[in-house]
Amino acid sequence: MTQLQLPITPHGAVSAAAGETAKADGIARAAANTPPDWATACRAAIELMARRGTPFQAADLIAEGLVDEPDHTARWGAAFMAAARAGVIEHAGVVPSRRATVHRSLCRQWIGTAAYRTEAA
């Protein structure tokens, strides 16, 4: 028995490509609208945490007093994605957030890349 394959995508179907495009567009808009002083402070905080070689998340940057909460939560994604694209950090799992404002929802955890830690040493 063969499965019928339709050459159309029904309305409402999940599209991974469309999701990735929407994600990239949202991150680009967030990055373009991020206050430069916060972006600079966040980048420095991410680089500091990356040099340590231990997993971390956005809550750790705040808990250590390295950066304040941004004016919009979308700024986090743009900052971490930029650092990942630059080879500073890499994804290190998904864990409950330690930020009280998000009620322990799942968030990405990051770690400094071996190459970055070697370069920064």
N, C-alpha and C. Protein backbone atom coordinates (compact mmCIF):
# COMPACT_ATOMS: atom_id res chain seq x y z
N MET A 1 0.84 -1.17 0.00
CA MET A 1 0.00 0.00 0.00
C MET A 1 0.89 1.24 0.00
N THR A 2 0.59 2.21 -0.83
CA THR A 2 1.36 3.45 -0.88
C THR A 2 0.56 4.58 -0.28
N GLN A 3 1.28 5.56 0.21
CA GLN A 3 0.63 6.71 0.83
C GLN A 3 0.39 7.79 -0.23
N LEU A 4 -0.76 8.39 -0.19
CA LEU A 4 -1.09 9.47 -1.11
C LEU A 4 -0.29 10.71 -0.74
N GLN A 5 0.42 11.29 -1.67
CA GLN A 5 1.21 12.50 -1.47
C GLN A 5 0.58 13.64 -2.25
N LEU A 6 0.18 14.69 -1.55
CA LEU A 6 -0.40 15.85 -2.20
C LEU A 6 0.67 16.91 -2.43
N PRO A 7 0.69 17.54 -3.59
CA PRO A 7 1.71 18.54 -3.90
C PRO A 7 1.42 19.92 -3.31
N ILE A 8 0.53 19.99 -2.34
CA ILE A 8 0.18 21.27 -1.73
C ILE A 8 0.43 21.21 -0.23
N THR A 9 0.58 22.37 0.37
CA THR A 9 0.68 22.47 1.82
C THR A 9 -0.64 23.02 2.33
N PRO A 10 -1.37 22.25 3.12
CA PRO A 10 -2.66 22.74 3.61
C PRO A 10 -2.49 23.95 4.53
N HIS A 11 -3.47 24.84 4.54
CA HIS A 11 -3.46 26.00 5.41
C HIS A 11 -3.33 25.55 6.86
N GLY A 12 -2.44 26.17 7.60
CA GLY A 12 -2.26 25.84 9.00
C GLY A 12 -1.22 24.77 9.26
N ALA A 13 -0.63 24.22 8.20
CA ALA A 13 0.40 23.20 8.38
C ALA A 13 1.65 23.81 9.00
N VAL A 14 2.36 23.02 9.77
CA VAL A 14 3.58 23.48 10.40
C VAL A 14 4.70 23.50 9.36
N SER A 15 5.42 24.59 9.32
CA SER A 15 6.53 24.72 8.38
C SER A 15 7.78 25.10 9.14
N ALA A 16 8.72 24.19 9.22
CA ALA A 16 9.98 24.47 9.93
C ALA A 16 10.72 25.63 9.27
N ALA A 17 10.70 25.68 7.95
CA ALA A 17 11.40 26.76 7.24
C ALA A 17 10.77 28.12 7.55
N ALA A 18 9.44 28.17 7.57
CA ALA A 18 8.76 29.43 7.89
C ALA A 18 9.05 29.83 9.33
N GLY A 19 9.12 28.85 10.22
CA GLY A 19 9.44 29.14 11.61
C GLY A 19 10.83 29.71 11.77
N GLU A 20 11.80 29.13 11.07
CA GLU A 20 13.18 29.64 11.13
C GLU A 20 13.28 31.04 10.54
N THR A 21 12.54 31.29 9.47
CA THR A 21 12.54 32.62 8.87
C THR A 21 11.95 33.65 9.83
N ALA A 22 10.84 33.30 10.47
CA ALA A 22 10.22 34.21 11.43
C ALA A 22 11.15 34.46 12.62
N LYS A 23 11.84 33.43 13.07
CA LYS A 23 12.79 33.57 14.17
C LYS A 23 13.92 34.52 13.78
N ALA A 24 14.49 34.31 12.62
CA ALA A 24 15.58 35.16 12.15
C ALA A 24 15.13 36.62 12.01
N ASP A 25 13.93 36.82 11.48
CA ASP A 25 13.40 38.18 11.33
C ASP A 25 13.21 38.85 12.69
N GLY A 26 12.66 38.10 13.64
CA GLY A 26 12.44 38.65 14.98
C GLY A 26 13.75 38.99 15.68
N ILE A 27 14.74 38.12 15.55
CA ILE A 27 16.05 38.38 16.16
C ILE A 27 16.69 39.61 15.52
N ALA A 28 16.58 39.73 14.21
CA ALA A 28 17.15 40.89 13.53
C ALA A 28 16.49 42.19 13.98
N ARG A 29 15.16 42.17 14.13
CA ARG A 29 14.45 43.37 14.61
C ARG A 29 14.85 43.71 16.04
N ALA A 30 14.96 42.68 16.88
CA ALA A 30 15.36 42.91 18.28
C ALA A 30 16.76 43.50 18.34
N ALA A 31 17.68 42.95 17.55
CA ALA A 31 19.06 43.45 17.55
C ALA A 31 19.12 44.89 17.06
N ALA A 32 18.36 45.20 16.02
CA ALA A 32 18.39 46.55 15.46
C ALA A 32 17.82 47.59 16.43
N ASN A 33 16.95 47.18 17.32
CA ASN A 33 16.30 48.11 18.24
C ASN A 33 16.85 48.05 19.66
N THR A 34 17.92 47.32 19.86
CA THR A 34 18.50 47.21 21.20
C THR A 34 19.35 48.44 21.50
N PRO A 35 19.16 49.04 22.67
CA PRO A 35 20.00 50.18 23.04
C PRO A 35 21.48 49.77 23.03
N PRO A 36 22.34 50.54 22.38
CA PRO A 36 23.76 50.17 22.25
C PRO A 36 24.47 49.94 23.59
N ASP A 37 24.14 50.72 24.61
CA ASP A 37 24.82 50.53 25.89
C ASP A 37 24.47 49.19 26.52
N TRP A 38 23.20 48.77 26.40
CA TRP A 38 22.82 47.46 26.95
C TRP A 38 23.46 46.35 26.13
N ALA A 39 23.47 46.50 24.80
CA ALA A 39 24.07 45.47 23.94
C ALA A 39 25.55 45.28 24.27
N THR A 40 26.27 46.37 24.49
CA THR A 40 27.69 46.31 24.82
C THR A 40 27.90 45.63 26.17
N ALA A 41 27.10 46.01 27.16
CA ALA A 41 27.22 45.40 28.49
C ALA A 41 26.87 43.92 28.46
N CYS A 42 25.85 43.56 27.70
CA CYS A 42 25.45 42.16 27.61
C CYS A 42 26.51 41.33 26.90
N ARG A 43 27.06 41.87 25.84
CA ARG A 43 28.12 41.15 25.10
C ARG A 43 29.31 40.90 26.02
N ALA A 44 29.72 41.90 26.80
CA ALA A 44 30.84 41.74 27.73
C ALA A 44 30.52 40.70 28.79
N ALA A 45 29.27 40.70 29.27
CA ALA A 45 28.86 39.72 30.29
C ALA A 45 28.88 38.30 29.73
N ILE A 46 28.38 38.13 28.51
CA ILE A 46 28.39 36.81 27.87
C ILE A 46 29.82 36.34 27.68
N GLU A 47 30.69 37.23 27.23
CA GLU A 47 32.10 36.85 27.02
C GLU A 47 32.77 36.45 28.33
N LEU A 48 32.48 37.18 29.41
CA LEU A 48 33.04 36.83 30.71
C LEU A 48 32.58 35.44 31.14
N MET A 49 31.29 35.19 31.04
CA MET A 49 30.75 33.89 31.43
C MET A 49 31.31 32.79 30.52
N ALA A 50 31.47 33.08 29.25
CA ALA A 50 31.99 32.09 28.30
C ALA A 50 33.42 31.68 28.66
N ARG A 51 34.23 32.62 29.11
CA ARG A 51 35.61 32.31 29.48
C ARG A 51 35.70 31.36 30.67
N ARG A 52 34.67 31.32 31.49
CA ARG A 52 34.67 30.45 32.67
C ARG A 52 34.53 28.98 32.31
N GLY A 53 33.91 28.70 31.18
CA GLY A 53 33.78 27.31 30.75
C GLY A 53 32.72 26.51 31.50
N THR A 54 31.79 27.18 32.15
CA THR A 54 30.69 26.49 32.83
C THR A 54 29.37 26.93 32.20
N PRO A 55 28.37 26.06 32.19
CA PRO A 55 27.09 26.43 31.59
C PRO A 55 26.44 27.61 32.31
N PHE A 56 25.77 28.46 31.54
CA PHE A 56 25.09 29.63 32.11
C PHE A 56 23.88 29.99 31.27
N GLN A 57 23.04 30.83 31.85
CA GLN A 57 21.85 31.34 31.17
C GLN A 57 21.71 32.82 31.49
N ALA A 58 20.74 33.47 30.90
CA ALA A 58 20.55 34.91 31.08
C ALA A 58 20.43 35.28 32.56
N ALA A 59 19.75 34.46 33.34
CA ALA A 59 19.57 34.76 34.77
C ALA A 59 20.90 34.90 35.49
N ASP A 60 21.90 34.16 35.06
CA ASP A 60 23.22 34.23 35.70
C ASP A 60 23.88 35.59 35.47
N LEU A 61 23.65 36.17 34.31
CA LEU A 61 24.22 37.49 34.01
C LEU A 61 23.63 38.54 34.95
N ILE A 62 22.34 38.42 35.21
CA ILE A 62 21.66 39.36 36.11
C ILE A 62 22.08 39.10 37.55
N ALA A 63 22.09 37.82 37.96
CA ALA A 63 22.42 37.47 39.35
C ALA A 63 23.82 37.93 39.74
N GLU A 64 24.73 37.94 38.79
CA GLU A 64 26.09 38.38 39.07
C GLU A 64 26.27 39.88 38.91
N GLY A 65 25.20 40.58 38.57
CA GLY A 65 25.28 42.04 38.43
C GLY A 65 26.03 42.48 37.20
N LEU A 66 26.12 41.62 36.20
CA LEU A 66 26.88 41.95 34.99
C LEU A 66 26.08 42.79 34.01
N VAL A 67 24.75 42.63 34.06
CA VAL A 67 23.87 43.36 33.16
C VAL A 67 22.48 43.40 33.80
N ASP A 68 21.73 44.44 33.48
CA ASP A 68 20.36 44.55 33.97
C ASP A 68 19.40 43.87 32.99
N GLU A 69 18.17 43.67 33.45
CA GLU A 69 17.13 43.18 32.54
C GLU A 69 17.01 44.17 31.38
N PRO A 70 16.85 43.68 30.16
CA PRO A 70 16.64 44.61 29.04
C PRO A 70 15.23 45.19 29.07
N ASP A 71 15.02 46.20 28.25
CA ASP A 71 13.69 46.81 28.18
C ASP A 71 12.66 45.88 27.55
N HIS A 72 13.12 44.87 26.84
CA HIS A 72 12.23 43.87 26.24
C HIS A 72 12.94 42.54 26.25
N THR A 73 12.21 41.47 26.58
CA THR A 73 12.84 40.15 26.69
C THR A 73 13.41 39.63 25.38
N ALA A 74 12.96 40.15 24.24
CA ALA A 74 13.48 39.71 22.95
C ALA A 74 14.96 40.05 22.79
N ARG A 75 15.44 41.00 23.57
CA ARG A 75 16.85 41.40 23.48
C ARG A 75 17.78 40.24 23.85
N TRP A 76 17.33 39.37 24.78
CA TRP A 76 18.18 38.25 25.19
C TRP A 76 18.50 37.35 24.00
N GLY A 77 17.49 36.97 23.26
CA GLY A 77 17.70 36.07 22.12
C GLY A 77 18.67 36.65 21.11
N ALA A 78 18.51 37.93 20.82
CA ALA A 78 19.41 38.58 19.86
C ALA A 78 20.85 38.58 20.37
N ALA A 79 21.03 38.85 21.66
CA ALA A 79 22.39 38.90 22.22
C ALA A 79 23.05 37.53 22.23
N PHE A 80 22.31 36.52 22.66
CA PHE A 80 22.89 35.18 22.71
C PHE A 80 23.11 34.60 21.31
N MET A 81 22.21 34.87 20.38
CA MET A 81 22.40 34.39 19.01
C MET A 81 23.61 35.05 18.35
N ALA A 82 23.82 36.34 18.60
CA ALA A 82 24.98 37.03 18.03
C ALA A 82 26.27 36.43 18.58
N ALA A 83 26.29 36.14 19.88
CA ALA A 83 27.48 35.54 20.49
C ALA A 83 27.72 34.13 19.96
N ALA A 84 26.64 33.39 19.73
CA ALA A 84 26.79 32.03 19.18
C ALA A 84 27.31 32.09 17.75
N ARG A 85 26.77 33.00 16.94
CA ARG A 85 27.25 33.15 15.56
C ARG A 85 28.71 33.56 15.51
N ALA A 86 29.15 34.32 16.50
CA ALA A 86 30.54 34.79 16.55
C ALA A 86 31.49 33.72 17.10
N GLY A 87 30.94 32.57 17.51
CA GLY A 87 31.78 31.49 18.01
C GLY A 87 32.19 31.64 19.47
N VAL A 88 31.54 32.53 20.20
CA VAL A 88 31.86 32.76 21.61
C VAL A 88 31.22 31.68 22.48
N ILE A 89 29.97 31.34 22.19
CA ILE A 89 29.23 30.36 22.99
C ILE A 89 28.59 29.32 22.09
N GLU A 90 28.17 28.23 22.72
CA GLU A 90 27.41 27.21 22.01
C GLU A 90 26.32 26.69 22.95
N HIS A 91 25.30 26.13 22.34
CA HIS A 91 24.16 25.61 23.09
C HIS A 91 24.62 24.46 23.99
N ALA A 92 24.16 24.47 25.24
CA ALA A 92 24.55 23.43 26.21
C ALA A 92 23.34 22.87 26.94
N GLY A 93 22.25 22.71 26.23
CA GLY A 93 21.06 22.12 26.82
C GLY A 93 19.95 23.10 27.10
N VAL A 94 18.86 22.55 27.59
CA VAL A 94 17.67 23.34 27.94
C VAL A 94 17.37 23.03 29.41
N VAL A 95 17.21 24.08 30.19
CA VAL A 95 16.98 23.95 31.63
C VAL A 95 15.88 24.93 32.06
N PRO A 96 15.31 24.72 33.25
CA PRO A 96 14.36 25.71 33.75
C PRO A 96 15.07 27.04 34.02
N SER A 97 14.44 28.12 33.62
CA SER A 97 15.02 29.43 33.87
C SER A 97 15.04 29.73 35.36
N ARG A 98 16.06 30.45 35.78
CA ARG A 98 16.14 30.89 37.17
C ARG A 98 15.58 32.30 37.35
N ARG A 99 15.11 32.92 36.25
CA ARG A 99 14.51 34.24 36.33
C ARG A 99 13.09 34.10 36.87
N ALA A 100 12.81 34.75 37.97
CA ALA A 100 11.49 34.65 38.61
C ALA A 100 10.37 35.15 37.70
N THR A 101 10.68 36.08 36.82
CA THR A 101 9.65 36.68 35.98
C THR A 101 9.10 35.74 34.93
N VAL A 102 9.77 34.62 34.68
CA VAL A 102 9.29 33.69 33.65
C VAL A 102 8.81 32.37 34.24
N HIS A 103 8.70 32.30 35.55
CA HIS A 103 8.07 31.17 36.24
C HIS A 103 8.70 29.82 35.89
N ARG A 104 10.03 29.79 35.83
CA ARG A 104 10.79 28.57 35.59
C ARG A 104 10.49 27.92 34.23
N SER A 105 10.11 28.72 33.26
CA SER A 105 9.90 28.17 31.92
C SER A 105 11.25 27.69 31.39
N LEU A 106 11.23 26.82 30.41
CA LEU A 106 12.47 26.29 29.87
C LEU A 106 13.22 27.36 29.08
N CYS A 107 14.53 27.34 29.20
CA CYS A 107 15.37 28.27 28.44
C CYS A 107 16.66 27.56 28.05
N ARG A 108 17.31 28.13 27.07
CA ARG A 108 18.59 27.59 26.64
C ARG A 108 19.67 27.88 27.66
N GLN A 109 20.57 26.96 27.75
CA GLN A 109 21.77 27.13 28.57
C GLN A 109 22.94 27.17 27.59
N TRP A 110 23.95 27.94 27.91
CA TRP A 110 25.08 28.16 27.01
C TRP A 110 26.39 27.86 27.73
N ILE A 111 27.43 27.65 26.94
CA ILE A 111 28.77 27.47 27.47
C ILE A 111 29.74 28.07 26.46
N GLY A 112 30.86 28.58 26.95
CA GLY A 112 31.86 29.13 26.03
C GLY A 112 32.44 28.01 25.17
N THR A 113 32.65 28.31 23.91
CA THR A 113 33.25 27.30 23.02
C THR A 113 34.70 27.08 23.41
N ALA A 114 35.20 25.91 23.13
CA ALA A 114 36.60 25.60 23.43
C ALA A 114 37.52 26.56 22.69
N ALA A 115 37.19 26.86 21.45
CA ALA A 115 38.02 27.78 20.66
C ALA A 115 38.05 29.16 21.30
N TYR A 116 36.91 29.66 21.77
CA TYR A 116 36.87 30.99 22.38
C TYR A 116 37.65 30.99 23.69
N ARG A 117 37.49 29.95 24.50
CA ARG A 117 38.19 29.90 25.77
C ARG A 117 39.70 29.86 25.55
N THR A 118 40.14 29.15 24.53
CA THR A 118 41.57 29.11 24.20
C THR A 118 42.07 30.46 23.73
N GLU A 119 41.29 31.10 22.86
CA GLU A 119 41.63 32.40 22.31
C GLU A 119 41.67 33.47 23.40
N ALA A 120 40.71 33.41 24.33
CA ALA A 120 40.60 34.43 25.39
C ALA A 120 41.63 34.24 26.50
N ALA A 121 42.23 33.07 26.57
CA ALA A 121 43.18 32.78 27.66
C ALA A 121 44.49 33.53 27.52
